[in-house]
Protein backbone atom coordinates (compact mmCIF):
# COMPACT_ATOMS: atom_id res chain seq x y z
CA MET A 1 31.83 4.48 -85.76
CA GLN A 2 28.34 3.38 -85.35
CA VAL A 3 29.22 -0.23 -84.44
CA THR A 4 31.12 1.56 -81.16
CA LEU A 5 28.00 3.66 -80.22
CA LEU A 6 25.97 0.55 -80.11
CA ARG A 7 28.14 -1.42 -78.28
CA LEU A 8 28.87 1.71 -75.70
CA LEU A 9 25.31 2.60 -75.10
CA PRO A 10 23.96 -0.41 -72.85
CA VAL A 11 27.17 0.42 -70.75
CA ALA A 12 25.70 4.30 -70.72
CA LEU A 13 22.59 3.20 -69.95
CA ALA A 14 23.74 0.74 -66.83
CA MET A 15 25.51 3.52 -65.81
CA LEU A 16 22.69 5.98 -65.43
CA VAL A 17 20.60 3.17 -63.99
CA LEU A 18 23.32 2.65 -61.08
CA MET A 19 23.66 6.57 -61.02
CA GLY A 20 19.56 6.64 -59.94
CA CYS A 21 19.87 3.91 -57.49
CA ASN A 22 22.48 6.00 -55.59
CA ASP A 23 20.32 9.03 -55.54
CA PRO A 24 18.31 8.48 -52.14
CA GLN A 25 15.26 10.96 -53.12
CA ALA A 26 15.15 8.98 -56.65
CA GLN A 27 15.47 5.36 -54.14
CA GLN A 28 13.09 6.14 -51.98
CA GLU A 29 10.86 7.63 -55.05
CA MET A 30 10.78 4.32 -56.60
CA SER A 31 8.67 2.81 -53.61
CA ALA A 32 7.49 3.57 -49.92
CA ARG A 33 9.43 1.89 -46.88
CA PRO A 34 7.39 -0.23 -44.58
CA ILE A 35 7.93 1.43 -40.84
CA LYS A 36 6.57 -0.27 -37.55
CA LEU A 37 4.55 2.51 -35.44
CA MET A 38 3.08 2.69 -32.04
CA THR A 39 0.05 5.06 -30.83
CA LEU A 40 0.81 7.55 -27.74
CA GLU A 41 -2.03 6.81 -25.52
CA SER A 42 -1.40 9.20 -22.41
CA ALA A 43 1.43 10.37 -20.73
CA ASN A 44 3.39 9.86 -17.57
CA THR A 45 1.85 5.90 -17.76
CA ALA A 46 4.12 4.56 -15.61
CA ALA A 47 3.53 6.85 -13.05
CA LEU A 48 0.60 4.32 -11.66
CA ARG A 49 1.65 1.70 -10.22
CA GLN A 50 0.34 -1.12 -8.35
CA PHE A 51 0.81 -2.94 -5.14
CA PRO A 52 -0.18 -6.25 -3.61
CA ALA A 53 -2.14 -5.28 0.03
CA ARG A 54 -4.05 -6.62 2.62
CA VAL A 55 -7.42 -5.23 4.29
CA GLU A 56 -7.15 -5.28 8.30
CA ALA A 57 -9.91 -3.78 10.58
CA SER A 58 -8.88 -0.52 11.79
CA THR A 59 -9.82 -1.46 15.23
CA ARG A 60 -9.00 -4.71 16.80
CA SER A 61 -8.23 -6.16 19.83
CA ASN A 62 -6.99 -9.40 21.11
CA LEU A 63 -9.17 -10.38 23.75
CA SER A 64 -6.60 -12.35 27.18
CA PHE A 65 -7.23 -12.80 30.59
CA ARG A 66 -4.45 -10.87 33.01
CA MET A 67 -4.62 -14.65 34.91
CA ALA A 68 -4.10 -18.27 34.05
CA GLY A 69 -6.61 -20.40 34.59
CA GLU A 70 -9.00 -23.33 33.34
CA LEU A 71 -11.76 -21.69 31.33
CA ILE A 72 -14.99 -22.99 32.20
CA GLU A 73 -17.24 -20.12 30.28
CA LEU A 74 -16.82 -19.08 26.31
CA ASN A 75 -19.86 -17.20 25.12
CA VAL A 76 -18.75 -16.45 21.65
CA ILE A 77 -18.53 -17.89 18.30
CA PRO A 78 -16.85 -16.10 14.98
CA GLY A 79 -19.16 -13.69 13.62
CA GLN A 80 -20.87 -13.26 16.48
CA GLN A 81 -22.15 -9.58 17.32
CA VAL A 82 -21.44 -8.28 20.78
CA GLN A 83 -21.99 -5.28 22.79
CA ALA A 84 -19.82 -3.33 25.20
CA GLY A 85 -19.41 -4.99 28.12
CA ASP A 86 -21.08 -8.89 27.26
CA VAL A 87 -19.21 -11.45 28.93
CA ILE A 88 -16.96 -13.11 26.39
CA ALA A 89 -15.52 -15.90 28.80
CA ARG A 90 -14.82 -17.12 32.53
CA ILE A 91 -11.85 -19.01 33.99
CA ASP A 92 -12.26 -20.93 37.17
CA ASN A 93 -12.88 -18.22 39.84
CA ARG A 94 -12.83 -20.39 43.23
CA THR A 95 -9.35 -19.87 44.11
CA VAL A 96 -9.74 -15.72 43.84
CA GLN A 97 -13.31 -16.08 45.24
CA SER A 98 -11.82 -17.57 48.58
CA GLU A 99 -8.83 -15.08 48.79
CA LEU A 100 -11.92 -12.23 48.51
CA ASP A 101 -13.86 -13.96 51.43
CA SER A 102 -11.15 -14.08 53.52
CA ALA A 103 -9.93 -10.57 53.08
CA ARG A 104 -13.53 -9.65 53.29
CA SER A 105 -13.33 -11.46 56.95
CA ARG A 106 -10.10 -9.68 57.67
CA LEU A 107 -11.39 -6.22 56.94
CA GLY A 108 -14.62 -6.69 58.66
CA LEU A 109 -12.25 -7.47 61.79
CA ALA A 110 -9.98 -4.94 61.20
CA LYS A 111 -13.54 -2.46 60.94
CA ALA A 112 -14.57 -3.61 64.37
CA THR A 113 -10.84 -3.26 66.16
CA LEU A 114 -10.96 0.40 64.75
CA ASP A 115 -14.12 1.05 65.81
CA ARG A 116 -13.63 -0.28 69.40
CA MET A 117 -10.26 1.71 69.29
CA ARG A 118 -12.06 5.22 68.68
CA TYR A 119 -14.36 4.58 71.50
CA THR A 120 -11.87 3.95 74.20
CA LEU A 121 -9.66 6.97 72.49
CA GLU A 122 -12.08 9.39 73.45
CA ARG A 123 -12.56 8.05 76.98
CA GLY A 124 -8.91 7.92 77.56
CA ALA A 125 -8.35 4.11 78.23
CA VAL A 126 -5.74 3.60 75.27
CA SER A 127 -3.05 5.85 73.75
CA GLN A 128 -2.89 7.69 69.87
CA SER A 129 -0.31 5.49 69.05
CA GLN A 130 -2.70 2.60 69.82
CA PHE A 131 -5.19 3.78 67.68
CA ASP A 132 -3.10 5.14 64.60
CA GLU A 133 -1.77 1.35 64.50
CA ALA A 134 -5.15 0.04 64.52
CA GLU A 135 -6.15 2.25 61.65
CA SER A 136 -3.41 1.39 59.70
CA GLU A 137 -3.99 -2.30 60.13
CA TRP A 138 -7.29 -1.10 59.18
CA ARG A 139 -6.02 0.47 56.13
CA ALA A 140 -4.19 -2.62 54.87
CA ALA A 141 -6.97 -4.75 55.39
CA ARG A 142 -8.39 -2.60 53.15
CA ALA A 143 -6.36 -2.54 50.11
CA ILE A 144 -6.15 -6.50 50.22
CA PHE A 145 -9.56 -6.77 50.40
CA GLU A 146 -10.07 -4.26 47.02
CA GLN A 147 -6.75 -6.12 45.28
CA ALA A 148 -8.97 -9.44 45.91
CA GLU A 149 -12.02 -8.04 44.66
CA GLU A 150 -10.33 -6.92 41.16
CA GLN A 151 -8.65 -10.28 41.08
CA VAL A 152 -12.07 -11.91 40.77
CA THR A 153 -13.13 -9.23 38.35
CA HIS A 154 -10.36 -10.37 35.97
CA THR A 155 -11.37 -13.80 35.84
CA GLN A 156 -14.34 -12.03 33.87
CA LEU A 157 -13.58 -11.22 30.02
CA ARG A 158 -15.76 -8.97 28.78
CA ALA A 159 -16.23 -6.69 25.23
CA PRO A 160 -14.61 -3.32 25.50
CA TYR A 161 -16.68 -1.83 22.31
CA ASP A 162 -19.46 -3.05 20.66
CA GLY A 163 -18.25 -4.98 17.95
CA VAL A 164 -17.74 -8.73 16.11
CA ILE A 165 -16.19 -11.51 16.93
CA ALA A 166 -13.49 -12.29 14.34
CA GLN A 167 -11.29 -15.31 15.82
CA VAL A 168 -11.82 -17.60 19.28
CA PRO A 169 -8.51 -19.29 18.74
CA VAL A 170 -9.40 -21.64 21.97
CA ASP A 171 -11.67 -23.76 23.68
CA ASN A 172 -13.43 -24.14 26.47
CA ARG A 173 -12.34 -26.36 29.47
CA GLN A 174 -8.94 -25.17 27.96
CA PHE A 175 -6.53 -23.94 30.13
CA VAL A 176 -5.34 -20.37 29.25
CA GLN A 177 -2.19 -18.77 30.21
CA VAL A 178 -1.56 -15.28 30.77
CA GLN A 179 -2.02 -12.53 27.58
CA GLU A 180 -2.87 -16.04 25.59
CA THR A 181 -5.75 -14.71 22.88
CA VAL A 182 -9.25 -16.20 24.12
CA ALA A 183 -11.26 -14.15 21.41
CA VAL A 184 -10.68 -11.31 18.76
CA ILE A 185 -13.07 -8.42 18.21
CA GLN A 186 -13.07 -6.41 15.47
CA GLN A 187 -15.21 -2.80 15.03
CA PRO A 188 -16.57 -2.55 11.87
CA GLY A 189 -17.03 0.92 10.02
CA GLN A 190 -13.59 1.64 8.92
CA LEU A 191 -11.18 -0.48 7.18
CA ASP A 192 -7.51 -0.95 7.24
CA VAL A 193 -5.01 -1.39 3.88
CA VAL A 194 -1.28 -2.86 4.55
CA PHE A 195 1.01 -2.83 1.51
CA HIS A 196 5.14 -2.40 1.35
CA LEU A 197 6.32 0.59 -0.94
CA PRO A 198 9.86 -0.43 -2.37
CA GLU A 199 12.95 2.36 -1.08
CA GLN A 200 13.63 3.48 -5.34
CA ILE A 201 9.96 4.95 -4.86
CA VAL A 202 10.54 6.50 -1.50
CA GLN A 203 13.62 8.08 -2.02
CA ARG A 204 12.08 9.91 -4.83
CA ILE A 205 9.09 11.21 -2.71
CA PRO A 206 9.66 14.90 -1.60
CA ARG A 207 9.82 15.47 2.17
CA ASN A 208 6.72 17.49 2.96
CA ASN A 209 7.17 19.48 6.31
CA GLY A 210 9.99 16.95 7.38
CA HIS A 211 7.94 14.04 6.81
CA PRO A 212 8.64 11.57 3.64
CA PHE A 213 4.67 11.53 2.62
CA GLY A 214 2.06 14.29 2.72
CA ASP A 215 -0.32 15.67 -0.09
CA ASP A 216 2.38 14.45 -2.92
CA LEU A 217 0.95 10.84 -3.49
CA VAL A 218 -2.70 9.83 -4.16
CA PHE A 219 -3.84 6.06 -2.87
CA GLU A 220 -6.51 4.13 -4.42
CA VAL A 221 -7.40 0.85 -3.45
CA ARG A 222 -9.19 -2.05 -5.64
CA PHE A 223 -10.49 -5.03 -3.67
CA GLY A 224 -10.06 -8.74 -5.24
CA ASN A 225 -11.52 -8.87 -8.90
CA SER A 226 -13.65 -5.93 -8.55
CA VAL A 227 -13.02 -2.60 -10.91
CA ASN A 228 -14.03 0.39 -8.49
CA LEU A 229 -11.39 2.34 -7.03
CA TYR A 230 -12.00 3.79 -3.70
CA PRO A 231 -9.78 6.70 -2.40
CA ALA A 232 -7.89 6.23 0.64
CA GLU A 233 -5.33 8.35 2.92
CA LEU A 234 -2.43 7.47 4.90
CA ALA A 235 -2.76 6.03 8.03
CA SER A 236 0.74 5.33 9.12
CA TYR A 237 4.11 3.92 7.98
CA THR A 238 7.40 2.73 9.19
CA THR A 239 10.71 4.14 8.57
CA GLN A 240 12.72 1.34 8.88
CA ALA A 241 12.79 -1.01 5.87
CA SER A 242 12.30 -4.59 6.01
CA ALA A 243 15.60 -6.39 5.84
CA GLN A 244 14.19 -9.32 3.67
CA SER A 245 12.33 -6.90 1.04
CA LEU A 246 13.87 -3.28 1.42
CA SER A 247 10.84 -1.95 1.32
CA TYR A 248 8.26 0.10 4.10
CA GLU A 249 4.95 -1.12 5.17
CA ILE A 250 2.35 1.45 4.79
CA LYS A 251 -0.86 1.55 6.43
CA LEU A 252 -3.70 3.29 4.41
CA THR A 253 -7.63 3.96 6.12
CA LEU A 254 -10.98 4.21 3.99
CA PRO A 255 -14.31 3.73 5.26
CA GLN A 256 -15.94 0.64 4.20
CA PRO A 257 -17.36 0.75 1.22
CA ASP A 258 -21.58 -0.22 0.62
CA ASP A 259 -21.04 -2.03 -2.67
CA ILE A 260 -18.87 -4.44 -1.14
CA THR A 261 -18.55 -7.01 1.89
CA LEU A 262 -14.68 -6.71 3.03
CA LEU A 263 -13.36 -8.86 6.06
CA ASP A 264 -9.79 -8.86 7.69
CA GLY A 265 -7.42 -10.72 5.82
CA MET A 266 -8.55 -10.03 2.34
CA SER A 267 -6.74 -9.22 -0.57
CA ALA A 268 -6.49 -5.87 -2.13
CA THR A 269 -4.51 -3.76 -4.91
CA VAL A 270 -3.22 0.06 -3.98
CA ARG A 271 -2.95 1.77 -6.93
CA LEU A 272 -0.47 4.96 -6.24
CA ASP A 273 -0.43 7.88 -8.84
CA LEU A 274 3.13 9.06 -8.72
CA SER A 275 2.72 11.73 -11.33
CA ARG A 276 2.58 14.68 -8.81
CA LEU A 277 6.81 13.75 -8.43
CA HIS A 278 6.96 14.96 -11.98
CA SER A 279 4.84 18.30 -11.37
CA ASP A 280 8.03 20.38 -11.81
CA GLN A 281 8.51 19.08 -15.28
CA ALA A 282 7.53 21.35 -17.82
CA GLN A 283 6.08 19.06 -20.55
CA PRO A 284 4.75 15.29 -19.57
CA LEU A 285 7.20 12.47 -20.42
CA TRP A 286 6.14 9.55 -22.48
CA HIS A 287 8.12 6.47 -22.36
CA LEU A 288 8.82 4.74 -25.55
CA PRO A 289 10.91 1.92 -26.72
CA PRO A 290 15.03 3.49 -26.96
CA GLU A 291 14.88 2.22 -30.95
CA ALA A 292 12.36 5.15 -31.47
CA VAL A 293 15.10 7.70 -30.68
CA SER A 294 17.61 8.32 -33.39
CA TYR A 295 20.50 11.35 -33.53
CA SER A 296 20.12 11.51 -37.32
CA GLY A 297 19.31 15.12 -37.74
CA ASP A 298 21.11 18.16 -38.70
CA ASN A 299 22.47 18.56 -35.35
CA PRO A 300 23.90 15.03 -34.05
CA SER A 301 23.37 16.26 -29.96
CA GLN A 302 19.64 16.49 -30.70
CA ALA A 303 17.40 13.57 -29.76
CA GLN A 304 14.63 13.10 -32.13
CA VAL A 305 11.64 10.87 -32.99
CA TRP A 306 9.70 10.53 -36.25
CA ARG A 307 6.10 10.80 -36.03
CA TYR A 308 3.84 9.67 -38.77
CA VAL A 309 1.40 12.33 -40.29
CA GLY A 310 0.05 10.23 -43.21
CA ALA A 311 0.15 10.94 -46.88
CA GLU A 312 3.54 8.40 -46.82
CA GLN A 313 5.33 11.08 -44.86
CA VAL A 314 6.93 11.66 -41.35
CA GLU A 315 8.03 14.76 -39.65
CA ALA A 316 11.00 14.76 -37.01
CA VAL A 317 10.30 16.05 -33.25
CA PRO A 318 12.84 16.86 -31.04
CA VAL A 319 13.07 15.29 -27.54
CA GLU A 320 14.57 15.30 -24.46
CA VAL A 321 15.64 12.33 -23.34
CA ASN A 322 15.67 10.94 -19.77
CA ARG A 323 16.13 7.86 -17.63
CA LEU A 324 15.58 4.51 -19.31
CA THR A 325 13.02 2.52 -16.97
CA SER A 326 11.64 -1.10 -17.84
CA ASN A 327 8.96 0.59 -19.25
CA GLY A 328 10.87 2.22 -21.68
CA LEU A 329 13.05 5.28 -22.30
CA GLU A 330 11.59 8.35 -21.08
CA VAL A 331 11.09 11.48 -23.42
CA SER A 332 9.51 14.70 -23.18
CA GLY A 333 8.86 16.54 -26.38
CA GLU A 334 6.19 18.15 -28.16
CA LEU A 335 3.98 14.93 -28.42
CA ARG A 336 -0.10 14.57 -27.52
CA ALA A 337 -1.51 11.30 -26.81
CA GLY A 338 -3.15 9.82 -30.37
CA ASP A 339 0.50 10.58 -32.04
CA ARG A 340 1.65 7.55 -34.27
CA ILE A 341 5.87 7.34 -33.92
CA VAL A 342 8.03 5.20 -35.62
CA THR A 343 9.64 2.48 -33.38
CA ALA A 344 12.15 0.59 -35.63
CA GLY A 345 15.18 1.60 -38.27
CA THR A 346 14.81 5.40 -37.53
CA HIS A 347 18.38 6.26 -38.55
CA GLN A 348 17.39 5.13 -42.03
CA ILE A 349 14.60 7.52 -42.33
CA GLN A 350 14.77 10.77 -43.89
CA ALA A 351 12.35 13.97 -43.92
CA TYR A 352 11.80 13.20 -47.52
CA THR A 353 11.51 9.06 -47.25
CA LYS A 354 8.51 7.97 -48.05
CA VAL A 355 6.82 5.67 -45.40
CA ILE A 356 3.85 3.07 -45.75
CA PRO A 357 2.88 1.54 -42.13
CA TRP A 358 3.81 -2.42 -41.47
CA VAL A 359 0.65 -3.93 -40.99
CA LYS A 360 1.17 -7.80 -39.12
CA GLU A 361 -0.49 -10.19 -41.58
CA GLN A 362 -2.31 -12.55 -40.10
CA GLY A 363 -0.74 -15.68 -39.03
CA LEU A 364 2.67 -14.08 -38.36
C-alpha cells in the first residue's frame, strides 16, 4: 500500500501544478506581463493641419501700354523704388504726335470759322442753320483733338502708386504689343498667402451666415525655415474646386513682418487649427492605435483602453470610439495628457494582471 502511494505521489503533484497554471490569477502572480505603452501628449493633435503655400504681394499690377509700339525709353530695373506718376517707359510717339498736330490745326481752323460765322450771324449775313453747321464742325474737331491728345499720353507708362518694381520682362528698343507686360509693380506693407484646401476639410467646416469660412477657423503662417508663426486673416476663396486636385484656393492676408524679409513667390506653410470644428463635443478627441482599444470588459459592447497606473497595475477606462483616420482611431473618454496607454495585447489583460512596461533594448 505504501508503495502504491509513493507511486501516485508524483502524479498528484503534477496535477496540482497543472491546476495552478490553469488559474489565471495564480499564473499572473508568477510573473508580470511586459506591455507597450504610449503617452498621451495633447488632445485634438490632428486638428492642427499644415499646407504648403506661396507668398504674393497684396497690391500688384502688371503695367502695359494701351497701344503697340517700339520702346524708346525704359527707366526702371527690378528692385527699384518708384513714386506715383514716375515715367516707367515710353514708346515711339511720332505717329500719334503727327496726328495730334493735324488735329490741332483742324481745331484751329474750325474755331476761326465758327468765330466768323458768329460775327456774320449777328449782322444777318448768314442763316442760323449755317452757324449751327459751323459749330457742329468745331465740336467734332475738338473731340478729334482731345482723342489725339489722349493717344499721346498713352505712349508714356507711369507708376500708378508708390511701390517697388518686381519684374521687367522686356528690353529697350523692343516692339511691344497692346497689353503686353512691360513692368510689374508691387506695393509693400501687406502680404497675401495662397494655399489650397482639400474638399474633405471644406465639407467639415460649418457655414457661417451662408459663407463656408468664418470665425470658426484660425490661420497661422510660417515662412521658410522660420519657427515663428504669424496670424493671418481670410482674404478670399474660390467656390469651385480645381479639376486636378479637387481643392479650393484660399487667400490669406497679413501685414509685412518686421523680423523677416519676404518677397513675392517665397514659400510658406499655413497651419490651420481645426479644433473649433469639434466644439460641439463634450470631451476632447485622442488619437490611439486601433490595437489599444478592446472590448474585453464586462460589457462586450463597451470599448475601453487600459491605463498604466504604476506598481505593475493597469485600470480600464471606458471610451467612445469615433472614426478611423490616418493619425489613428479617434476616441473620447476620461483621458488626459500624460496618461500612459497600453497599445498592444489589450485583449489578454485583466484588471488583476500584473504588468511591467516594456523597454526597447539598445540595438533592437
